[in-house]
Amino acid sequence: MSQTYHIIGLMSGTSCDGLDIAYSTFTYTDEWSFEIKKANTVSFPIDLEDRLKTAHLMSGLDLHLLDVEFGKWMGYQVKSFISNHQIKVDAIASHGHTIFHQPKHQLTLQIGNAWALHVACGTPVINDFRMLDVQLGGQGAPLVPIGDQMLFPSYAFCLNLGGIANISMDIDDKRKAFDICPFNLLLNHYANKLDLPYDDGGKIARSGTLIPGLLAELNELPYYQNQEAKSLGREDLEIYFEILAQFEQYKIEDKLHTLVAHYVYQVKKSIATPSGHMLVTGGGAFNKYFMETLRNAFEGQIHISDAKPILINFKEALLFAFLGVLRLRNEANCLASVTGAIRDNCGGMIVGM
């Protein structure tokens, strides 16, 4: 007997490029199928965006106030989205906006208060997907691999290029995944210095030249020597900014060019046996220069097809919606083989149901 769920997934990424809203249906018979029915990205008001970018520096009181304000703002966006599309929704699954992620201290914090969100939109909310796994000794990230495994079984590798790049794959019949390196958080930072929101198509990076010393320093960072379950938080990127600042005499296009080379090297290094098909999603998939460089690096060993734009833009929101479905079914939505926790677990707090 098939079961169908109608869920909105919300994703607010570390690159602060807006709130992704994806309304999807999930049907289970012998296996899962899905369809993204409606989707939209809502830009943050400038004041809210500025505060989200600096929230890790706020006092405790100001951070709690922002938590409630952001939850309420997301709720209003969801209410408008539901009204505009005249859709029936079972629940909202919200990732929230990550402020701190320090699993070694058993801490991860995503703001966007669930009660404020629920009251503003009138629909049940599932959020706080990471904390249970962290308390079980895991990284609390990445969370999407179980969705990659169940919804995209034909791909050997699922690469997501958001603020941070992460990969999901099967190794020795177990799902493995980890954050590879920064991505848009650094690229957008330097594009911003040119008064641009991002490097459109990687055109600026393409025009630059390699800085060998910078590439060597980035590739030698201790994070890349860690072979255990691992993840990156915004606060982990300070070392990258410090290294890049040491090369202030170089042009921005040269730094962007070198960052692309660094990213490609680390992506390739993360795959021990390159064969099969790779799905690439997230905003970085629109960076033509990076994608060309990545394809060339694999020399045809891995086939990278062009994903549909709606999937590139909204895969993470789709997969958090799916995590919400699994939470409603009380089924594991976080894999210990990925995070290093003591067991698979079913994370997420349900509010208003």
Protein backbone atom coordinates (compact mmCIF):
# COMPACT_ATOMS: atom_id res chain seq x y z
CA MET A 1 0.00 0.00 0.00
CA SER A 2 1.48 3.34 -1.04
CA GLN A 3 1.76 6.31 1.28
CA THR A 4 2.16 9.91 0.09
CA TYR A 5 3.44 12.89 2.05
CA HIS A 6 3.18 16.59 1.12
CA ILE A 7 6.06 18.47 2.73
CA ILE A 8 7.72 21.86 2.42
CA GLY A 9 11.46 21.84 2.96
CA LEU A 10 13.25 25.03 4.04
CA MET A 11 16.97 25.55 3.55
CA SER A 12 18.96 28.59 4.64
CA GLY A 13 22.56 28.00 3.64
CA THR A 14 25.74 29.37 5.19
CA SER A 15 26.36 31.53 2.12
CA CYS A 16 23.30 33.66 3.08
CA ASP A 17 21.90 33.80 -0.46
CA GLY A 18 18.28 33.43 0.65
CA LEU A 19 15.67 30.99 1.90
CA ASP A 20 14.95 28.03 -0.37
CA ILE A 21 11.34 26.81 -0.19
CA ALA A 22 10.54 23.52 -1.91
CA TYR A 23 7.11 21.87 -1.85
CA SER A 24 7.49 18.20 -2.71
CA THR A 25 5.50 14.99 -2.61
CA PHE A 26 7.05 11.70 -1.50
CA THR A 27 5.42 8.35 -2.19
CA TYR A 28 6.50 5.01 -0.80
CA THR A 29 5.53 1.67 -2.30
CA ASP A 30 8.45 -0.74 -2.64
CA GLU A 31 10.81 2.22 -2.85
CA TRP A 32 10.66 6.00 -2.57
CA SER A 33 9.69 8.34 -5.39
CA PHE A 34 9.42 12.12 -5.26
CA GLU A 35 8.44 15.21 -7.22
CA ILE A 36 9.32 18.84 -6.58
CA LYS A 37 5.96 20.48 -7.26
CA LYS A 38 6.70 24.13 -6.49
CA ALA A 39 9.85 25.92 -5.41
CA ASN A 40 11.10 29.43 -4.82
CA THR A 41 14.04 31.27 -3.27
CA VAL A 42 13.22 34.31 -1.15
CA SER A 43 16.00 36.86 -0.69
CA PHE A 44 16.71 37.99 2.83
CA PRO A 45 15.96 41.60 3.70
CA ILE A 46 19.33 43.38 3.80
CA ASP A 47 19.19 44.03 7.54
CA LEU A 48 18.34 40.39 8.28
CA GLU A 49 21.07 39.13 5.95
CA ASP A 50 23.66 41.33 7.65
CA ARG A 51 22.68 40.05 11.08
CA LEU A 52 22.68 36.41 9.98
CA LYS A 53 26.21 36.86 8.62
CA THR A 54 27.44 38.26 11.94
CA ALA A 55 25.22 36.24 14.31
CA HIS A 56 28.19 34.21 15.58
CA LEU A 57 29.49 37.45 17.14
CA MET A 58 26.22 38.39 18.91
CA SER A 59 25.44 38.38 22.62
CA GLY A 60 23.27 35.55 23.91
CA LEU A 61 20.22 37.81 24.21
CA ASP A 62 20.58 39.27 20.71
CA LEU A 63 21.03 35.78 19.26
CA HIS A 64 17.84 34.53 20.93
CA LEU A 65 15.94 37.56 19.64
CA LEU A 66 17.22 36.84 16.14
CA ASP A 67 16.21 33.18 16.52
CA VAL A 68 12.59 34.19 17.14
CA GLU A 69 12.57 36.93 14.50
CA PHE A 70 14.04 34.63 11.85
CA GLY A 71 11.56 31.86 12.69
CA LYS A 72 8.68 34.30 12.37
CA TRP A 73 10.03 35.68 9.08
CA MET A 74 10.33 32.16 7.64
CA GLY A 75 6.78 31.40 8.79
CA TYR A 76 5.40 34.42 6.95
CA GLN A 77 7.25 33.39 3.77
CA VAL A 78 5.81 29.87 4.03
CA LYS A 79 2.29 31.18 4.67
CA SER A 80 2.52 33.37 1.56
CA PHE A 81 3.97 30.48 -0.49
CA ILE A 82 1.11 28.14 0.55
CA SER A 83 -1.50 30.80 -0.18
CA ASN A 84 -0.04 31.74 -3.57
CA HIS A 85 0.11 28.14 -4.77
CA GLN A 86 -3.09 26.93 -3.04
CA ILE A 87 -1.42 23.75 -1.78
CA LYS A 88 -2.09 21.24 0.99
CA VAL A 89 0.90 20.71 3.29
CA ASP A 90 1.36 18.05 5.97
CA ALA A 91 4.37 19.67 7.64
CA ILE A 92 7.29 22.08 7.25
CA ALA A 93 10.81 20.63 7.59
CA SER A 94 13.24 23.44 8.37
CA HIS A 95 17.02 23.16 8.44
CA GLY A 96 17.37 26.57 10.08
CA HIS A 97 20.42 28.80 9.74
CA THR A 98 23.65 27.43 11.21
CA ILE A 99 25.39 29.79 13.63
CA PHE A 100 27.72 27.43 15.49
CA HIS A 101 28.78 23.93 14.56
CA GLN A 102 31.29 22.43 17.02
CA PRO A 103 30.58 18.71 17.33
CA LYS A 104 33.77 18.15 19.34
CA HIS A 105 32.02 20.16 22.07
CA GLN A 106 28.67 18.41 21.37
CA LEU A 107 27.33 21.70 20.07
CA THR A 108 25.47 22.62 16.92
CA LEU A 109 23.09 25.55 16.64
CA GLN A 110 20.65 26.35 13.85
CA ILE A 111 18.37 29.32 14.50
CA GLY A 112 14.83 29.85 13.21
CA ASN A 113 12.56 29.18 16.19
CA ALA A 114 10.11 26.37 15.42
CA TRP A 115 7.28 27.74 17.57
CA ALA A 116 7.57 31.19 15.97
CA LEU A 117 7.61 29.57 12.51
CA HIS A 118 4.60 27.39 13.36
CA VAL A 119 2.48 30.23 14.73
CA ALA A 120 3.31 32.46 11.75
CA CYS A 121 2.31 29.88 9.13
CA GLY A 122 -0.20 27.68 11.00
CA THR A 123 1.43 24.41 9.86
CA PRO A 124 3.30 21.77 11.92
CA VAL A 125 7.08 22.22 11.91
CA ILE A 126 9.99 19.79 12.19
CA ASN A 127 13.41 21.27 12.91
CA ASP A 128 16.61 20.76 14.95
CA PHE A 129 17.69 17.76 12.87
CA ARG A 130 21.35 17.78 13.95
CA MET A 131 21.50 17.88 17.75
CA LEU A 132 20.52 14.26 18.52
CA ASP A 133 23.33 12.94 16.34
CA VAL A 134 25.84 15.30 17.97
CA GLN A 135 24.78 14.08 21.42
CA LEU A 136 25.33 10.53 20.19
CA GLY A 137 28.93 11.39 19.41
CA GLY A 138 28.41 12.19 15.73
CA GLN A 139 29.25 15.18 13.58
CA GLY A 140 25.57 16.03 13.02
CA ALA A 141 26.54 16.48 9.37
CA PRO A 142 26.15 15.89 6.54
CA LEU A 143 22.51 14.90 6.95
CA VAL A 144 21.42 14.55 3.34
CA PRO A 145 23.23 11.26 2.50
CA ILE A 146 20.30 9.08 3.52
CA GLY A 147 18.20 11.05 1.01
CA ASP A 148 20.91 10.65 -1.62
CA GLN A 149 20.88 6.91 -1.01
CA MET A 150 17.10 6.50 -1.10
CA LEU A 151 16.08 9.09 -3.70
CA PHE A 152 19.09 9.02 -6.08
CA PRO A 153 20.31 5.40 -6.05
CA SER A 154 21.60 5.50 -9.65
CA TYR A 155 24.38 7.97 -8.78
CA ALA A 156 27.67 6.71 -7.37
CA PHE A 157 28.46 10.18 -6.02
CA CYS A 158 26.33 13.13 -4.95
CA LEU A 159 28.32 16.37 -4.72
CA ASN A 160 26.71 19.46 -3.24
CA LEU A 161 28.30 22.86 -3.79
CA GLY A 162 26.79 25.34 -1.36
CA GLY A 163 28.58 27.57 1.11
CA ILE A 164 30.56 24.42 1.87
CA ALA A 165 31.15 21.51 -0.52
CA ASN A 166 30.16 18.04 0.65
CA ILE A 167 30.00 14.62 -0.95
CA SER A 168 27.98 11.44 -0.40
CA MET A 169 28.86 7.96 -1.72
CA ASP A 170 28.82 4.24 -0.93
CA ILE A 171 32.09 2.69 0.25
CA ASP A 172 32.25 -1.01 1.14
CA ASP A 173 28.43 -1.18 1.09
CA LYS A 174 28.11 1.66 3.62
CA ARG A 175 27.06 5.23 2.96
CA LYS A 176 29.86 7.68 3.64
CA ALA A 177 29.75 11.45 3.42
CA PHE A 178 31.67 14.45 4.69
CA ASP A 179 32.32 18.12 4.11
CA ILE A 180 35.16 18.37 1.59
CA CYS A 181 36.13 22.03 1.71
CA PRO A 182 34.64 25.52 1.69
CA PHE A 183 33.00 26.63 -1.52
CA ASN A 184 30.72 29.62 -2.10
CA LEU A 185 31.50 31.10 1.31
CA LEU A 186 34.96 32.00 0.04
CA LEU A 187 34.14 32.54 -3.64
CA ASN A 188 31.28 34.93 -2.85
CA HIS A 189 33.38 36.77 -0.26
CA TYR A 190 35.91 37.79 -2.92
CA ALA A 191 33.25 38.47 -5.56
CA ASN A 192 31.65 40.84 -3.01
CA LYS A 193 34.91 42.81 -2.94
CA LEU A 194 34.23 43.57 -6.60
CA ASP A 195 30.68 44.69 -5.70
CA LEU A 196 29.25 41.49 -7.19
CA PRO A 197 27.00 39.01 -5.35
CA TYR A 198 28.92 36.08 -6.87
CA ASP A 199 31.28 35.18 -9.71
CA ASP A 200 28.75 34.55 -12.50
CA GLY A 201 29.71 31.33 -14.28
CA GLY A 202 33.21 31.54 -12.78
CA LYS A 203 34.18 34.15 -15.40
CA ILE A 204 36.38 36.10 -13.00
CA ALA A 205 38.13 32.97 -11.75
CA ARG A 206 38.70 31.86 -15.32
CA SER A 207 40.47 35.15 -16.09
CA GLY A 208 42.92 34.74 -13.21
CA THR A 209 46.20 32.87 -12.89
CA LEU A 210 47.31 30.32 -10.30
CA ILE A 211 49.10 31.37 -7.11
CA PRO A 212 51.20 28.26 -6.37
CA GLY A 213 52.16 29.28 -2.82
CA LEU A 214 48.54 29.90 -1.86
CA LEU A 215 47.43 26.60 -3.36
CA ALA A 216 50.13 24.72 -1.44
CA GLU A 217 49.20 26.34 1.90
CA LEU A 218 45.50 25.62 1.45
CA ASN A 219 46.12 21.99 0.51
CA GLU A 220 48.29 21.48 3.60
CA LEU A 221 45.60 22.51 6.10
CA PRO A 222 45.14 19.93 8.90
CA TYR A 223 41.45 19.38 8.06
CA TYR A 224 42.43 17.57 4.88
CA GLN A 225 44.59 15.08 6.78
CA ASN A 226 41.64 13.92 8.91
CA GLN A 227 40.30 10.62 7.57
CA GLU A 228 37.53 10.23 10.17
CA ALA A 229 33.95 11.54 10.00
CA LYS A 230 34.32 15.29 9.68
CA SER A 231 32.39 18.48 9.00
CA LEU A 232 33.07 22.19 8.64
CA GLY A 233 31.35 25.09 10.38
CA ARG A 234 31.50 28.80 9.56
CA GLU A 235 33.91 29.32 12.44
CA ASP A 236 36.32 26.76 10.92
CA LEU A 237 36.90 29.01 7.93
CA GLU A 238 38.86 31.72 9.75
CA ILE A 239 42.12 29.93 8.92
CA TYR A 240 41.26 30.16 5.21
CA PHE A 241 40.68 33.90 5.44
CA GLU A 242 43.96 34.28 7.35
CA ILE A 243 45.92 32.41 4.69
CA LEU A 244 44.29 34.30 1.83
CA ALA A 245 45.01 37.61 3.58
CA GLN A 246 48.73 36.78 3.47
CA PHE A 247 48.54 37.03 -0.33
CA GLU A 248 47.04 40.52 -0.40
CA GLN A 249 49.37 41.63 -3.18
CA TYR A 250 47.59 39.35 -5.65
CA LYS A 251 44.51 40.26 -7.64
CA ILE A 252 41.10 38.95 -6.68
CA GLU A 253 40.77 37.05 -9.96
CA ASP A 254 43.99 35.19 -9.11
CA LYS A 255 42.66 34.25 -5.67
CA LEU A 256 39.40 33.02 -7.18
CA HIS A 257 41.28 31.03 -9.82
CA THR A 258 43.44 29.43 -7.11
CA LEU A 259 40.41 28.63 -4.94
CA VAL A 260 38.82 26.77 -7.86
CA ALA A 261 42.02 24.79 -8.35
CA HIS A 262 42.07 24.01 -4.62
CA TYR A 263 38.45 22.88 -4.62
CA VAL A 264 38.89 20.63 -7.65
CA TYR A 265 42.00 19.05 -6.11
CA GLN A 266 40.16 18.32 -2.85
CA VAL A 267 37.07 16.92 -4.58
CA LYS A 268 39.20 14.58 -6.66
CA LYS A 269 41.25 13.56 -3.61
CA SER A 270 38.05 12.66 -1.73
CA ILE A 271 37.16 9.91 -4.24
CA ALA A 272 39.35 6.82 -3.94
CA THR A 273 37.81 4.91 -6.86
CA PRO A 274 36.56 7.30 -9.54
CA SER A 275 33.99 5.53 -11.71
CA GLY A 276 30.27 5.84 -12.35
CA HIS A 277 27.92 8.83 -12.43
CA MET A 278 28.05 11.96 -10.30
CA LEU A 279 25.16 14.29 -9.48
CA VAL A 280 26.30 17.87 -8.81
CA THR A 281 23.86 20.30 -7.20
CA GLY A 282 23.90 23.54 -5.21
CA GLY A 283 24.71 27.02 -6.45
CA GLY A 284 28.26 26.04 -7.35
CA ALA A 285 26.94 23.76 -10.10
CA PHE A 286 26.25 26.95 -12.11
CA ASN A 287 29.94 27.86 -11.94
CA LYS A 288 30.85 26.77 -15.47
CA TYR A 289 34.57 27.26 -14.97
CA PHE A 290 34.62 25.03 -11.89
CA MET A 291 32.51 22.36 -13.60
CA GLU A 292 34.75 22.32 -16.68
CA THR A 293 37.85 22.05 -14.51
CA LEU A 294 36.29 19.24 -12.46
CA ARG A 295 35.32 17.23 -15.56
CA ASN A 296 38.83 17.63 -16.95
CA ALA A 297 40.36 16.49 -13.66
CA PHE A 298 38.47 13.20 -13.76
CA GLU A 299 39.49 12.59 -17.38
CA GLY A 300 36.27 10.78 -18.22
CA GLN A 301 36.48 8.35 -15.28
CA ILE A 302 33.35 9.88 -13.78
CA HIS A 303 30.39 10.98 -15.89
CA ILE A 304 28.99 14.31 -14.67
CA SER A 305 25.66 15.00 -16.31
CA ASP A 306 23.86 18.34 -16.23
CA ALA A 307 21.15 18.25 -13.57
CA LYS A 308 17.88 20.12 -14.03
CA PRO A 309 18.02 23.68 -12.63
CA ILE A 310 15.18 23.01 -10.16
CA LEU A 311 17.17 20.10 -8.70
CA ILE A 312 20.42 22.09 -8.62
CA ASN A 313 18.72 24.91 -6.75
CA PHE A 314 16.44 22.99 -4.43
CA LYS A 315 17.96 19.55 -3.77
CA GLU A 316 18.92 20.41 -0.18
CA ALA A 317 15.46 21.79 0.59
CA LEU A 318 14.01 18.66 -1.04
CA LEU A 319 16.18 16.38 1.09
CA PHE A 320 15.36 18.16 4.34
CA ALA A 321 11.71 17.70 3.45
CA PHE A 322 12.51 13.99 3.06
CA LEU A 323 14.26 13.95 6.45
CA GLY A 324 11.02 15.38 7.83
CA VAL A 325 9.06 12.51 6.24
CA LEU A 326 11.35 9.96 7.85
CA ARG A 327 10.96 11.76 11.20
CA LEU A 328 7.17 11.56 10.89
CA ARG A 329 7.56 7.81 10.25
CA ASN A 330 10.02 7.48 13.18
CA GLU A 331 12.57 5.96 10.81
CA ALA A 332 16.31 6.66 10.86
CA ASN A 333 17.14 9.88 9.03
CA CYS A 334 20.79 10.15 10.06
CA LEU A 335 23.41 7.49 9.33
CA ALA A 336 26.13 6.60 11.83
CA SER A 337 28.33 5.43 8.95
CA VAL A 338 28.35 9.06 7.79
CA THR A 339 28.54 11.04 11.03
CA GLY A 340 30.46 8.70 13.33
CA ALA A 341 27.65 8.56 15.91
CA ILE A 342 27.23 5.44 18.04
CA ARG A 343 24.09 4.48 16.10
CA ASP A 344 21.76 5.49 13.32
CA ASN A 345 19.17 7.90 14.68
CA CYS A 346 15.97 9.79 13.93
CA GLY A 347 16.58 13.48 14.58
CA GLY A 348 14.16 16.38 14.55
CA MET A 349 11.78 18.12 16.95
CA ILE A 350 8.10 18.18 15.94
CA VAL A 351 6.11 21.29 16.87
CA GLY A 352 2.39 21.96 16.44
CA MET A 353 1.24 18.49 15.45
